[in-house]
Amino acid sequence: GPHDRQRILAIMKDSRSGPMAIIGIFCLLTLKIAFLSNMEPSR
């Protein structure tokens, strides 16, 4: 989001996960699985 420096640091220090974290992890893991599935098992 369009947060300033102090707000970004405060949000990252918060142990709770927001919607952007959930979306980000979903996209990250989906990409890992997709790229690996696109390779031969040995590769």
Full PDB file with SEQRES, HELIX, SHEET, SSBOND, CRYST1, ORIGX, SCALE, CONECT and MASTER records, all heavy atoms in Angstrom:
SEQRES   1 A   43  GLY PRO HIS ASP ARG GLN ARG ILE LEU ALA ILE MET LYS          
SEQRES   2 A   43  ASP SER ARG SER GLY PRO MET ALA ILE ILE GLY ILE PHE          
SEQRES   3 A   43  CYS LEU LEU THR LEU LYS ILE ALA PHE LEU SER ASN MET          
SEQRES   4 A   43  GLU PRO SER ARG                                              
HELIX    1 AA1 ARG A    5  LYS A   13  1                                   9    
HELIX    2 AA2 PRO A   19  SER A   37  1                                  19    
CRYST1    1.000    1.000    1.000  90.00  90.00  90.00 P 1           1          
ORIGX1      1.000000  0.000000  0.000000        0.00000                         
ORIGX2      0.000000  1.000000  0.000000        0.00000                         
ORIGX3      0.000000  0.000000  1.000000        0.00000                         
SCALE1      1.000000  0.000000  0.000000        0.00000                         
SCALE2      0.000000  1.000000  0.000000        0.00000                         
SCALE3      0.000000  0.000000  1.000000        0.00000                         
ATOM      1  N   GLY A   1       0.836  -1.201   0.000  1.00  0.00           N  
ATOM      2  CA  GLY A   1       0.000   0.000   0.000  1.00  0.00           C  
ATOM      3  C   GLY A   1       0.864   1.241   0.000  1.00  0.00           C  
ATOM      4  O   GLY A   1       2.086   1.165   0.168  1.00  0.00           O  
ATOM      5  N   PRO A   2       0.263   2.408  -0.165  1.00  0.00           N  
ATOM      6  CA  PRO A   2       1.028   3.667  -0.225  1.00  0.00           C  
ATOM      7  C   PRO A   2       1.413   4.184   1.157  1.00  0.00           C  
ATOM      8  O   PRO A   2       1.099   5.329   1.528  1.00  0.00           O  
ATOM      9  CB  PRO A   2       0.053   4.609  -0.933  1.00  0.00           C  
ATOM     10  CG  PRO A   2      -1.298   4.132  -0.494  1.00  0.00           C  
ATOM     11  CD  PRO A   2      -1.180   2.628  -0.389  1.00  0.00           C  
ATOM     12  N   HIS A   3       2.085   3.316   1.948  1.00  0.00           N  
ATOM     13  CA  HIS A   3       2.443   3.697   3.305  1.00  0.00           C  
ATOM     14  C   HIS A   3       3.788   4.423   3.335  1.00  0.00           C  
ATOM     15  O   HIS A   3       4.645   4.188   2.476  1.00  0.00           O  
ATOM     16  CB  HIS A   3       2.519   2.453   4.200  1.00  0.00           C  
ATOM     17  CG  HIS A   3       1.312   1.582   4.144  1.00  0.00           C  
ATOM     18  ND1 HIS A   3       0.058   2.021   4.492  1.00  0.00           N  
ATOM     19  CD2 HIS A   3       1.157   0.277   3.777  1.00  0.00           C  
ATOM     20  CE1 HIS A   3      -0.820   1.044   4.351  1.00  0.00           C  
ATOM     21  NE2 HIS A   3      -0.178  -0.038   3.913  1.00  0.00           N  
ATOM     22  N   ASP A   4       3.992   5.253   4.358  1.00  0.00           N  
ATOM     23  CA  ASP A   4       5.296   5.885   4.527  1.00  0.00           C  
ATOM     24  C   ASP A   4       6.226   4.930   5.266  1.00  0.00           C  
ATOM     25  O   ASP A   4       5.833   3.826   5.677  1.00  0.00           O  
ATOM     26  CB  ASP A   4       5.175   7.218   5.266  1.00  0.00           C  
ATOM     27  CG  ASP A   4       4.585   7.067   6.670  1.00  0.00           C  
ATOM     28  OD1 ASP A   4       4.623   5.960   7.236  1.00  0.00           O  
ATOM     29  OD2 ASP A   4       4.081   8.079   7.204  1.00  0.00           O  
ATOM     30  N   ARG A   5       7.465   5.337   5.444  1.00  0.00           N  
ATOM     31  CA  ARG A   5       8.491   4.467   6.007  1.00  0.00           C  
ATOM     32  C   ARG A   5       8.111   3.952   7.401  1.00  0.00           C  
ATOM     33  O   ARG A   5       8.200   2.753   7.665  1.00  0.00           O  
ATOM     34  CB  ARG A   5       9.819   5.228   6.074  1.00  0.00           C  
ATOM     35  CG  ARG A   5      10.954   4.459   6.736  1.00  0.00           C  
ATOM     36  CD  ARG A   5      12.240   5.274   6.703  1.00  0.00           C  
ATOM     37  NE  ARG A   5      13.332   4.570   7.336  1.00  0.00           N  
ATOM     38  CZ  ARG A   5      13.595   4.632   8.641  1.00  0.00           C  
ATOM     39  NH1 ARG A   5      12.845   5.379   9.433  1.00  0.00           N  
ATOM     40  NH2 ARG A   5      14.610   3.950   9.144  1.00  0.00           N  
ATOM     41  N   GLN A   6       7.687   4.826   8.280  1.00  0.00           N  
ATOM     42  CA  GLN A   6       7.363   4.418   9.645  1.00  0.00           C  
ATOM     43  C   GLN A   6       6.196   3.451   9.680  1.00  0.00           C  
ATOM     44  O   GLN A   6       6.178   2.493  10.457  1.00  0.00           O  
ATOM     45  CB  GLN A   6       7.055   5.662  10.497  1.00  0.00           C  
ATOM     46  CG  GLN A   6       8.244   6.592  10.702  1.00  0.00           C  
ATOM     47  CD  GLN A   6       9.417   5.887  11.369  1.00  0.00           C  
ATOM     48  OE1 GLN A   6       9.243   5.008  12.225  1.00  0.00           O  
ATOM     49  NE2 GLN A   6      10.633   6.253  10.964  1.00  0.00           N  
ATOM     50  N   ARG A   7       5.203   3.695   8.838  1.00  0.00           N  
ATOM     51  CA  ARG A   7       4.040   2.814   8.804  1.00  0.00           C  
ATOM     52  C   ARG A   7       4.418   1.438   8.270  1.00  0.00           C  
ATOM     53  O   ARG A   7       3.950   0.408   8.777  1.00  0.00           O  
ATOM     54  CB  ARG A   7       2.950   3.443   7.924  1.00  0.00           C  
ATOM     55  CG  ARG A   7       1.664   2.634   7.835  1.00  0.00           C  
ATOM     56  CD  ARG A   7       1.046   2.402   9.186  1.00  0.00           C  
ATOM     57  NE  ARG A   7      -0.187   1.633   9.105  1.00  0.00           N  
ATOM     58  CZ  ARG A   7      -0.692   0.925  10.099  1.00  0.00           C  
ATOM     59  NH1 ARG A   7      -0.077   0.895  11.285  1.00  0.00           N  
ATOM     60  NH2 ARG A   7      -1.811   0.256   9.945  1.00  0.00           N  
ATOM     61  N   ILE A   8       5.263   1.397   7.243  1.00  0.00           N  
ATOM     62  CA  ILE A   8       5.708   0.109   6.691  1.00  0.00           C  
ATOM     63  C   ILE A   8       6.433  -0.704   7.762  1.00  0.00           C  
ATOM     64  O   ILE A   8       6.163  -1.899   7.946  1.00  0.00           O  
ATOM     65  CB  ILE A   8       6.629   0.326   5.478  1.00  0.00           C  
ATOM     66  CG1 ILE A   8       5.834   0.890   4.299  1.00  0.00           C  
ATOM     67  CG2 ILE A   8       7.299  -0.986   5.069  1.00  0.00           C  
ATOM     68  CD1 ILE A   8       6.694   1.283   3.124  1.00  0.00           C  
ATOM     69  N   LEU A   9       7.339  -0.064   8.482  1.00  0.00           N  
ATOM     70  CA  LEU A   9       8.097  -0.764   9.522  1.00  0.00           C  
ATOM     71  C   LEU A   9       7.182  -1.255  10.635  1.00  0.00           C  
ATOM     72  O   LEU A   9       7.379  -2.352  11.176  1.00  0.00           O  
ATOM     73  CB  LEU A   9       9.180   0.158  10.087  1.00  0.00           C  
ATOM     74  CG  LEU A   9      10.324   0.510   9.120  1.00  0.00           C  
ATOM     75  CD1 LEU A   9      11.245   1.554   9.739  1.00  0.00           C  
ATOM     76  CD2 LEU A   9      11.119  -0.739   8.740  1.00  0.00           C  
ATOM     77  N   ALA A  10       6.184  -0.449  10.978  1.00  0.00           N  
ATOM     78  CA  ALA A  10       5.245  -0.846  12.025  1.00  0.00           C  
ATOM     79  C   ALA A  10       4.406  -2.039  11.588  1.00  0.00           C  
ATOM     80  O   ALA A  10       4.162  -2.977  12.369  1.00  0.00           O  
ATOM     81  CB  ALA A  10       4.343   0.329  12.386  1.00  0.00           C  
ATOM     82  N   ILE A  11       3.949  -2.026  10.345  1.00  0.00           N  
ATOM     83  CA  ILE A  11       3.135  -3.131   9.831  1.00  0.00           C  
ATOM     84  C   ILE A  11       3.945  -4.425   9.794  1.00  0.00           C  
ATOM     85  O   ILE A  11       3.463  -5.501  10.182  1.00  0.00           O  
ATOM     86  CB  ILE A  11       2.596  -2.797   8.430  1.00  0.00           C  
ATOM     87  CG1 ILE A  11       1.556  -1.669   8.517  1.00  0.00           C  
ATOM     88  CG2 ILE A  11       1.969  -4.031   7.781  1.00  0.00           C  
ATOM     89  CD1 ILE A  11       1.092  -1.167   7.169  1.00  0.00           C  
ATOM     90  N   MET A  12       5.193  -4.343   9.345  1.00  0.00           N  
ATOM     91  CA  MET A  12       6.019  -5.552   9.254  1.00  0.00           C  
ATOM     92  C   MET A  12       6.338  -6.119  10.634  1.00  0.00           C  
ATOM     93  O   MET A  12       6.568  -7.321  10.780  1.00  0.00           O  
ATOM     94  CB  MET A  12       7.310  -5.256   8.487  1.00  0.00           C  
ATOM     95  CG  MET A  12       7.102  -5.030   7.010  1.00  0.00           C  
ATOM     96  SD  MET A  12       8.628  -5.180   6.032  1.00  0.00           S  
ATOM     97  CE  MET A  12       9.580  -3.824   6.697  1.00  0.00           C  
ATOM     98  N   LYS A  13       6.362  -5.269  11.645  1.00  0.00           N  
ATOM     99  CA  LYS A  13       6.653  -5.740  12.999  1.00  0.00           C  
ATOM    100  C   LYS A  13       5.453  -6.421  13.626  1.00  0.00           C  
ATOM    101  O   LYS A  13       5.583  -7.212  14.563  1.00  0.00           O  
ATOM    102  CB  LYS A  13       7.101  -4.558  13.862  1.00  0.00           C  
ATOM    103  CG  LYS A  13       7.811  -4.957  15.139  1.00  0.00           C  
ATOM    104  CD  LYS A  13       8.412  -3.747  15.827  1.00  0.00           C  
ATOM    105  CE  LYS A  13       9.212  -4.162  17.051  1.00  0.00           C  
ATOM    106  NZ  LYS A  13       9.845  -2.989  17.718  1.00  0.00           N  
ATOM    107  N   ASP A  14       4.263  -6.129  13.120  1.00  0.00           N  
ATOM    108  CA  ASP A  14       3.026  -6.732  13.632  1.00  0.00           C  
ATOM    109  C   ASP A  14       2.989  -8.211  13.261  1.00  0.00           C  
ATOM    110  O   ASP A  14       3.176  -8.577  12.101  1.00  0.00           O  
ATOM    111  CB  ASP A  14       1.820  -6.011  13.033  1.00  0.00           C  
ATOM    112  CG  ASP A  14       0.512  -6.363  13.734  1.00  0.00           C  
ATOM    113  OD1 ASP A  14       0.429  -7.462  14.328  1.00  0.00           O  
ATOM    114  OD2 ASP A  14      -0.417  -5.543  13.695  1.00  0.00           O  
ATOM    115  N   SER A  15       2.737  -9.061  14.241  1.00  0.00           N  
ATOM    116  CA  SER A  15       2.747 -10.511  14.003  1.00  0.00           C  
ATOM    117  C   SER A  15       1.519 -10.995  13.238  1.00  0.00           C  
ATOM    118  O   SER A  15       1.512 -12.118  12.719  1.00  0.00           O  
ATOM    119  CB  SER A  15       2.846 -11.252  15.334  1.00  0.00           C  
ATOM    120  OG  SER A  15       1.737 -10.935  16.170  1.00  0.00           O  
ATOM    121  N   ARG A  16       0.492 -10.173  13.153  1.00  0.00           N  
ATOM    122  CA  ARG A  16      -0.726 -10.575  12.446  1.00  0.00           C  
ATOM    123  C   ARG A  16      -0.537 -10.457  10.936  1.00  0.00           C  
ATOM    124  O   ARG A  16       0.158  -9.574  10.453  1.00  0.00           O  
ATOM    125  CB  ARG A  16      -1.903  -9.703  12.894  1.00  0.00           C  
ATOM    126  CG  ARG A  16      -2.286  -9.889  14.356  1.00  0.00           C  
ATOM    127  CD  ARG A  16      -3.294  -8.846  14.796  1.00  0.00           C  
ATOM    128  NE  ARG A  16      -2.713  -7.500  14.756  1.00  0.00           N  
ATOM    129  CZ  ARG A  16      -3.365  -6.396  15.108  1.00  0.00           C  
ATOM    130  NH1 ARG A  16      -4.629  -6.493  15.515  1.00  0.00           N  
ATOM    131  NH2 ARG A  16      -2.770  -5.215  15.038  1.00  0.00           N  
ATOM    132  N   SER A  17      -1.180 -11.352  10.200  1.00  0.00           N  
ATOM    133  CA  SER A  17      -1.088 -11.346   8.738  1.00  0.00           C  
ATOM    134  C   SER A  17      -2.347 -10.744   8.139  1.00  0.00           C  
ATOM    135  O   SER A  17      -3.462 -11.121   8.507  1.00  0.00           O  
ATOM    136  CB  SER A  17      -0.904 -12.772   8.204  1.00  0.00           C  
ATOM    137  OG  SER A  17       0.337 -13.304   8.616  1.00  0.00           O  
ATOM    138  N   GLY A  18      -2.153  -9.828   7.199  1.00  0.00           N  
ATOM    139  CA  GLY A  18      -3.266  -9.194   6.528  1.00  0.00           C  
ATOM    140  C   GLY A  18      -3.561  -9.846   5.195  1.00  0.00           C  
ATOM    141  O   GLY A  18      -2.921 -10.834   4.807  1.00  0.00           O  
ATOM    142  N   PRO A  19      -4.500  -9.299   4.446  1.00  0.00           N  
ATOM    143  CA  PRO A  19      -4.890  -9.895   3.153  1.00  0.00           C  
ATOM    144  C   PRO A  19      -3.759  -9.911   2.140  1.00  0.00           C  
ATOM    145  O   PRO A  19      -3.659 -10.851   1.344  1.00  0.00           O  
ATOM    146  CB  PRO A  19      -6.050  -9.000   2.691  1.00  0.00           C  
ATOM    147  CG  PRO A  19      -5.905  -7.731   3.467  1.00  0.00           C  
ATOM    148  CD  PRO A  19      -5.334  -8.131   4.775  1.00  0.00           C  
ATOM    149  N   MET A  20      -2.890  -8.890   2.142  1.00  0.00           N  
ATOM    150  CA  MET A  20      -1.793  -8.860   1.177  1.00  0.00           C  
ATOM    151  C   MET A  20      -0.806  -9.994   1.430  1.00  0.00           C  
ATOM    152  O   MET A  20      -0.228 -10.550   0.494  1.00  0.00           O  
ATOM    153  CB  MET A  20      -1.082  -7.514   1.216  1.00  0.00           C  
ATOM    154  CG  MET A  20      -1.947  -6.334   0.787  1.00  0.00           C  
ATOM    155  SD  MET A  20      -2.662  -6.556  -0.857  1.00  0.00           S  
ATOM    156  CE  MET A  20      -1.189  -6.529  -1.871  1.00  0.00           C  
ATOM    157  N   ALA A  21      -0.611 -10.348   2.702  1.00  0.00           N  
ATOM    158  CA  ALA A  21       0.275 -11.468   3.039  1.00  0.00           C  
ATOM    159  C   ALA A  21      -0.290 -12.775   2.507  1.00  0.00           C  
ATOM    160  O   ALA A  21       0.439 -13.598   1.938  1.00  0.00           O  
ATOM    161  CB  ALA A  21       0.466 -11.550   4.547  1.00  0.00           C  
ATOM    162  N   ILE A  22      -1.589 -12.973   2.692  1.00  0.00           N  
ATOM    163  CA  ILE A  22      -2.231 -14.207   2.227  1.00  0.00           C  
ATOM    164  C   ILE A  22      -2.162 -14.309   0.706  1.00  0.00           C  
ATOM    165  O   ILE A  22      -1.825 -15.361   0.146  1.00  0.00           O  
ATOM    166  CB  ILE A  22      -3.687 -14.255   2.710  1.00  0.00           C  
ATOM    167  CG1 ILE A  22      -3.721 -14.296   4.241  1.00  0.00           C  
ATOM    168  CG2 ILE A  22      -4.413 -15.466   2.126  1.00  0.00           C  
ATOM    169  CD1 ILE A  22      -5.104 -14.136   4.830  1.00  0.00           C  
ATOM    170  N   ILE A  23      -2.473 -13.205   0.033  1.00  0.00           N  
ATOM    171  CA  ILE A  23      -2.411 -13.184  -1.427  1.00  0.00           C  
ATOM    172  C   ILE A  23      -0.986 -13.431  -1.915  1.00  0.00           C  
ATOM    173  O   ILE A  23      -0.752 -14.199  -2.857  1.00  0.00           O  
ATOM    174  CB  ILE A  23      -2.935 -11.848  -1.970  1.00  0.00           C  
ATOM    175  CG1 ILE A  23      -4.428 -11.693  -1.670  1.00  0.00           C  
ATOM    176  CG2 ILE A  23      -2.687 -11.725  -3.472  1.00  0.00           C  
ATOM    177  CD1 ILE A  23      -4.972 -10.315  -1.945  1.00  0.00           C  
ATOM    178  N   GLY A  24      -0.023 -12.780  -1.264  1.00  0.00           N  
ATOM    179  CA  GLY A  24       1.375 -12.918  -1.665  1.00  0.00           C  
ATOM    180  C   GLY A  24       1.882 -14.339  -1.522  1.00  0.00           C  
ATOM    181  O   GLY A  24       2.540 -14.874  -2.429  1.00  0.00           O  
ATOM    182  N   ILE A  25       1.585 -14.977  -0.395  1.00  0.00           N  
ATOM    183  CA  ILE A  25       2.039 -16.353  -0.181  1.00  0.00           C  
ATOM    184  C   ILE A  25       1.374 -17.298  -1.175  1.00  0.00           C  
ATOM    185  O   ILE A  25       2.021 -18.204  -1.715  1.00  0.00           O  
ATOM    186  CB  ILE A  25       1.749 -16.795   1.265  1.00  0.00           C  
ATOM    187  CG1 ILE A  25       2.662 -16.033   2.235  1.00  0.00           C  
ATOM    188  CG2 ILE A  25       1.952 -18.297   1.424  1.00  0.00           C  
ATOM    189  CD1 ILE A  25       2.420 -16.363   3.684  1.00  0.00           C  
ATOM    190  N   PHE A  26       0.089 -17.090  -1.423  1.00  0.00           N  
ATOM    191  CA  PHE A  26      -0.613 -17.927  -2.401  1.00  0.00           C  
ATOM    192  C   PHE A  26       0.063 -17.822  -3.768  1.00  0.00           C  
ATOM    193  O   PHE A  26       0.322 -18.844  -4.424  1.00  0.00           O  
ATOM    194  CB  PHE A  26      -2.083 -17.506  -2.500  1.00  0.00           C  
ATOM    195  CG  PHE A  26      -2.842 -18.228  -3.576  1.00  0.00           C  
ATOM    196  CD1 PHE A  26      -3.328 -19.502  -3.358  1.00  0.00           C  
ATOM    197  CD2 PHE A  26      -3.042 -17.642  -4.823  1.00  0.00           C  
ATOM    198  CE1 PHE A  26      -4.014 -20.187  -4.358  1.00  0.00           C  
ATOM    199  CE2 PHE A  26      -3.729 -18.317  -5.825  1.00  0.00           C  
ATOM    200  CZ  PHE A  26      -4.211 -19.587  -5.590  1.00  0.00           C  
ATOM    201  N   CYS A  27       0.360 -16.609  -4.208  1.00  0.00           N  
ATOM    202  CA  CYS A  27       0.988 -16.412  -5.518  1.00  0.00           C  
ATOM    203  C   CYS A  27       2.391 -17.013  -5.540  1.00  0.00           C  
ATOM    204  O   CYS A  27       2.791 -17.662  -6.521  1.00  0.00           O  
ATOM    205  CB  CYS A  27       1.043 -14.926  -5.864  1.00  0.00           C  
ATOM    206  SG  CYS A  27      -0.572 -14.165  -6.155  1.00  0.00           S  
ATOM    207  N   LEU A  28       3.139 -16.811  -4.464  1.00  0.00           N  
ATOM    208  CA  LEU A  28       4.511 -17.321  -4.394  1.00  0.00           C  
ATOM    209  C   LEU A  28       4.547 -18.837  -4.512  1.00  0.00           C  
ATOM    210  O   LEU A  28       5.286 -19.389  -5.333  1.00  0.00           O  
ATOM    211  CB  LEU A  28       5.160 -16.876  -3.074  1.00  0.00           C  
ATOM    212  CG  LEU A  28       6.608 -17.323  -2.865  1.00  0.00           C  
ATOM    213  CD1 LEU A  28       7.561 -16.364  -3.562  1.00  0.00           C  
ATOM    214  CD2 LEU A  28       6.948 -17.408  -1.375  1.00  0.00           C  
ATOM    215  N   LEU A  29       3.742 -19.519  -3.712  1.00  0.00           N  
ATOM    216  CA  LEU A  29       3.744 -20.980  -3.723  1.00  0.00           C  
ATOM    217  C   LEU A  29       3.174 -21.532  -5.025  1.00  0.00           C  
ATOM    218  O   LEU A  29       3.652 -22.556  -5.528  1.00  0.00           O  
ATOM    219  CB  LEU A  29       2.958 -21.516  -2.526  1.00  0.00           C  
ATOM    220  CG  LEU A  29       3.523 -21.165  -1.144  1.00  0.00           C  
ATOM    221  CD1 LEU A  29       2.672 -21.776  -0.040  1.00  0.00           C  
ATOM    222  CD2 LEU A  29       4.973 -21.632  -1.015  1.00  0.00           C  
ATOM    223  N   THR A  30       2.174 -20.850  -5.569  1.00  0.00           N  
ATOM    224  CA  THR A  30       1.622 -21.284  -6.854  1.00  0.00           C  
ATOM    225  C   THR A  30       2.677 -21.217  -7.947  1.00  0.00           C  
ATOM    226  O   THR A  30       2.799 -22.136  -8.777  1.00  0.00           O  
ATOM    227  CB  THR A  30       0.411 -20.414  -7.243  1.00  0.00           C  
ATOM    228  OG1 THR A  30      -0.611 -20.542  -6.250  1.00  0.00           O  
ATOM    229  CG2 THR A  30      -0.152 -20.846  -8.586  1.00  0.00           C  
ATOM    230  N   LEU A  31       3.455 -20.142  -7.964  1.00  0.00           N  
ATOM    231  CA  LEU A  31       4.509 -20.000  -8.970  1.00  0.00           C  
ATOM    232  C   LEU A  31       5.587 -21.072  -8.791  1.00  0.00           C  
ATOM    233  O   LEU A  31       6.064 -21.656  -9.772  1.00  0.00           O  
ATOM    234  CB  LEU A  31       5.127 -18.607  -8.888  1.00  0.00           C  
ATOM    235  CG  LEU A  31       4.261 -17.455  -9.416  1.00  0.00           C  
ATOM    236  CD1 LEU A  31       4.901 -16.110  -9.093  1.00  0.00           C  
ATOM    237  CD2 LEU A  31       4.051 -17.594 -10.920  1.00  0.00           C  
ATOM    238  N   LYS A  32       5.983 -21.339  -7.560  1.00  0.00           N  
ATOM    239  CA  LYS A  32       6.994 -22.379  -7.327  1.00  0.00           C  
ATOM    240  C   LYS A  32       6.512 -23.728  -7.866  1.00  0.00           C  
ATOM    241  O   LYS A  32       7.252 -24.433  -8.564  1.00  0.00           O  
ATOM    242  CB  LYS A  32       7.306 -22.495  -5.830  1.00  0.00           C  
ATOM    243  CG  LYS A  32       8.182 -21.397  -5.266  1.00  0.00           C  
ATOM    244  CD  LYS A  32       8.568 -21.710  -3.826  1.00  0.00           C  
ATOM    245  CE  LYS A  32       9.496 -20.659  -3.251  1.00  0.00           C  
ATOM    246  NZ  LYS A  32       9.935 -20.980  -1.871  1.00  0.00           N  
ATOM    247  N   ILE A  33       5.293 -24.086  -7.514  1.00  0.00           N  
ATOM    248  CA  ILE A  33       4.746 -25.365  -7.960  1.00  0.00           C  
ATOM    249  C   ILE A  33       4.618 -25.409  -9.478  1.00  0.00           C  
ATOM    250  O   ILE A  33       4.945 -26.418 -10.125  1.00  0.00           O  
ATOM    251  CB  ILE A  33       3.388 -25.612  -7.282  1.00  0.00           C  
ATOM    252  CG1 ILE A  33       3.581 -25.824  -5.779  1.00  0.00           C  
ATOM    253  CG2 ILE A  33       2.688 -26.823  -7.900  1.00  0.00           C  
ATOM    254  CD1 ILE A  33       2.295 -25.808  -4.983  1.00  0.00           C  
ATOM    255  N   ALA A  34       4.167 -24.307 -10.073  1.00  0.00           N  
ATOM    256  CA  ALA A  34       3.984 -24.270 -11.526  1.00  0.00           C  
ATOM    257  C   ALA A  34       5.320 -24.401 -12.257  1.00  0.00           C  
ATOM    258  O   ALA A  34       5.439 -25.173 -13.220  1.00  0.00           O  
ATOM    259  CB  ALA A  34       3.290 -22.969 -11.926  1.00  0.00           C  
ATOM    260  N   PHE A  35       6.327 -23.658 -11.816  1.00  0.00           N  
ATOM    261  CA  PHE A  35       7.623 -23.707 -12.500  1.00  0.00           C  
ATOM    262  C   PHE A  35       8.268 -25.086 -12.361  1.00  0.00           C  
ATOM    263  O   PHE A  35       8.822 -25.620 -13.324  1.00  0.00           O  
ATOM    264  CB  PHE A  35       8.557 -22.625 -11.949  1.00  0.00           C  
ATOM    265  CG  PHE A  35       8.144 -21.226 -12.306  1.00  0.00           C  
ATOM    266  CD1 PHE A  35       8.206 -20.206 -11.370  1.00  0.00           C  
ATOM    267  CD2 PHE A  35       7.693 -20.925 -13.582  1.00  0.00           C  
ATOM    268  CE1 PHE A  35       7.844 -18.908 -11.702  1.00  0.00           C  
ATOM    269  CE2 PHE A  35       7.315 -19.629 -13.926  1.00  0.00           C  
ATOM    270  CZ  PHE A  35       7.387 -18.620 -12.977  1.00  0.00           C  
ATOM    271  N   LEU A  36       8.205 -25.666 -11.176  1.00  0.00           N  
ATOM    272  CA  LEU A  36       8.796 -26.990 -10.974  1.00  0.00           C  
ATOM    273  C   LEU A  36       8.036 -28.064 -11.748  1.00  0.00           C  
ATOM    274  O   LEU A  36       8.643 -28.997 -12.290  1.00  0.00           O  
ATOM    275  CB  LEU A  36       8.813 -27.335  -9.478  1.00  0.00           C  
ATOM    276  CG  LEU A  36       9.866 -26.605  -8.644  1.00  0.00           C  
ATOM    277  CD1 LEU A  36       9.572 -26.761  -7.157  1.00  0.00           C  
ATOM    278  CD2 LEU A  36      11.269 -27.123  -8.964  1.00  0.00           C  
ATOM    279  N   SER A  37       6.724 -27.927 -11.825  1.00  0.00           N  
ATOM    280  CA  SER A  37       5.918 -28.899 -12.568  1.00  0.00           C  
ATOM    281  C   SER A  37       6.174 -28.828 -14.064  1.00  0.00           C  
ATOM    282  O   SER A  37       5.905 -29.778 -14.794  1.00  0.00           O  
ATOM    283  CB  SER A  37       4.428 -28.664 -12.284  1.00  0.00           C  
ATOM    284  OG  SER A  37       4.133 -28.861 -10.922  1.00  0.00           O  
ATOM    285  N   ASN A  38       6.699 -27.688 -14.509  1.00  0.00           N  
ATOM    286  CA  ASN A  38       6.997 -27.502 -15.930  1.00  0.00           C  
ATOM    287  C   ASN A  38       8.310 -28.152 -16.342  1.00  0.00           C  
ATOM    288  O   ASN A  38       8.654 -28.169 -17.520  1.00  0.00           O  
ATOM    289  CB  ASN A  38       7.029 -26.002 -16.246  1.00  0.00           C  
ATOM    290  CG  ASN A  38       7.019 -25.709 -17.734  1.00  0.00           C  
ATOM    291  OD1 ASN A  38       6.214 -26.256 -18.473  1.00  0.00           O  
ATOM    292  ND2 ASN A  38       7.936 -24.862 -18.178  1.00  0.00           N  
ATOM    293  N   MET A  39       9.071 -28.679 -15.358  1.00  0.00           N  
ATOM    294  CA  MET A  39      10.359 -29.305 -15.641  1.00  0.00           C  
ATOM    295  C   MET A  39      10.237 -30.824 -15.584  1.00  0.00           C  
ATOM    296  O   MET A  39       9.346 -31.364 -14.935  1.00  0.00           O  
ATOM    297  CB  MET A  39      11.405 -28.863 -14.600  1.00  0.00           C  
ATOM    298  CG  MET A  39      11.599 -27.376 -14.451  1.00  0.00           C  
ATOM    299  SD  MET A  39      12.840 -27.014 -13.167  1.00  0.00           S  
ATOM    300  CE  MET A  39      12.478 -25.307 -12.805  1.00  0.00           C  
ATOM    301  N   GLU A  40      11.158 -31.480 -16.241  1.00  0.00           N  
ATOM    302  CA  GLU A  40      11.297 -32.922 -16.066  1.00  0.00           C  
ATOM    303  C   GLU A  40      11.708 -33.190 -14.613  1.00  0.00           C  
ATOM    304  O   GLU A  40      12.426 -32.383 -14.010  1.00  0.00           O  
ATOM    305  CB  GLU A  40      12.352 -33.482 -17.005  1.00  0.00           C  
ATOM    306  CG  GLU A  40      11.975 -33.416 -18.478  1.00  0.00           C  
ATOM    307  CD  GLU A  40      10.781 -34.297 -18.799  1.00  0.00           C  
ATOM    308  OE1 GLU A  40      10.640 -35.367 -18.151  1.00  0.00           O  
ATOM    309  OE2 GLU A  40       9.983 -33.924 -19.674  1.00  0.00           O  
ATOM    310  N   PRO A  41      11.267 -34.312 -14.022  1.00  0.00           N  
ATOM    311  CA  PRO A  41      11.578 -34.575 -12.617  1.00  0.00           C  
ATOM    312  C   PRO A  41      13.065 -34.490 -12.281  1.00  0.00           C  
ATOM    313  O   PRO A  41      13.439 -33.959 -11.228  1.00  0.00           O  
ATOM    314  CB  PRO A  41      11.038 -35.997 -12.406  1.00  0.00           C  
ATOM    315  CG  PRO A  41       9.900 -36.096 -13.363  1.00  0.00           C  
ATOM    316  CD  PRO A  41      10.341 -35.321 -14.580  1.00  0.00           C  
ATOM    317  N   SER A  42      13.924 -35.001 -13.164  1.00  0.00           N  
ATOM    318  CA  SER A  42      15.360 -34.957 -12.896  1.00  0.00           C  
ATOM    319  C   SER A  42      15.870 -33.516 -12.842  1.00  0.00           C  
ATOM    320  O   SER A  42      16.715 -33.169 -12.009  1.00  0.00           O  
ATOM    321  CB  SER A  42      16.125 -35.739 -13.960  1.00  0.00           C  
ATOM    322  OG  SER A  42      15.878 -35.206 -15.252  1.00  0.00           O  
ATOM    323  N   ARG A  43      15.362 -32.669 -13.714  1.00  0.00           N  
ATOM    324  CA  ARG A  43      15.748 -31.263 -13.714  1.00  0.00           C  
ATOM    325  C   ARG A  43      15.141 -30.529 -12.512  1.00  0.00           C  
ATOM    326  O   ARG A  43      15.785 -29.659 -11.912  1.00  0.00           O  
ATOM    327  CB  ARG A  43      15.306 -30.600 -15.014  1.00  0.00           C  
ATOM    328  CG  ARG A  43      15.772 -29.153 -15.165  1.00  0.00           C  
ATOM    329  CD  ARG A  43      15.439 -28.633 -16.551  1.00  0.00           C  
ATOM    330  NE  ARG A  43      15.818 -27.247 -16.731  1.00  0.00           N  
ATOM    331  CZ  ARG A  43      17.050 -26.827 -17.010  1.00  0.00           C  
ATOM    332  NH1 ARG A  43      18.025 -27.715 -17.145  1.00  0.00           N  
ATOM    333  NH2 ARG A  43      17.317 -25.547 -17.163  1.00  0.00           N  
TER     334      ARG A  43                                                      
MASTER        0    0    0    2    0    0    0    6  333    1    0    4          
END                                                                             
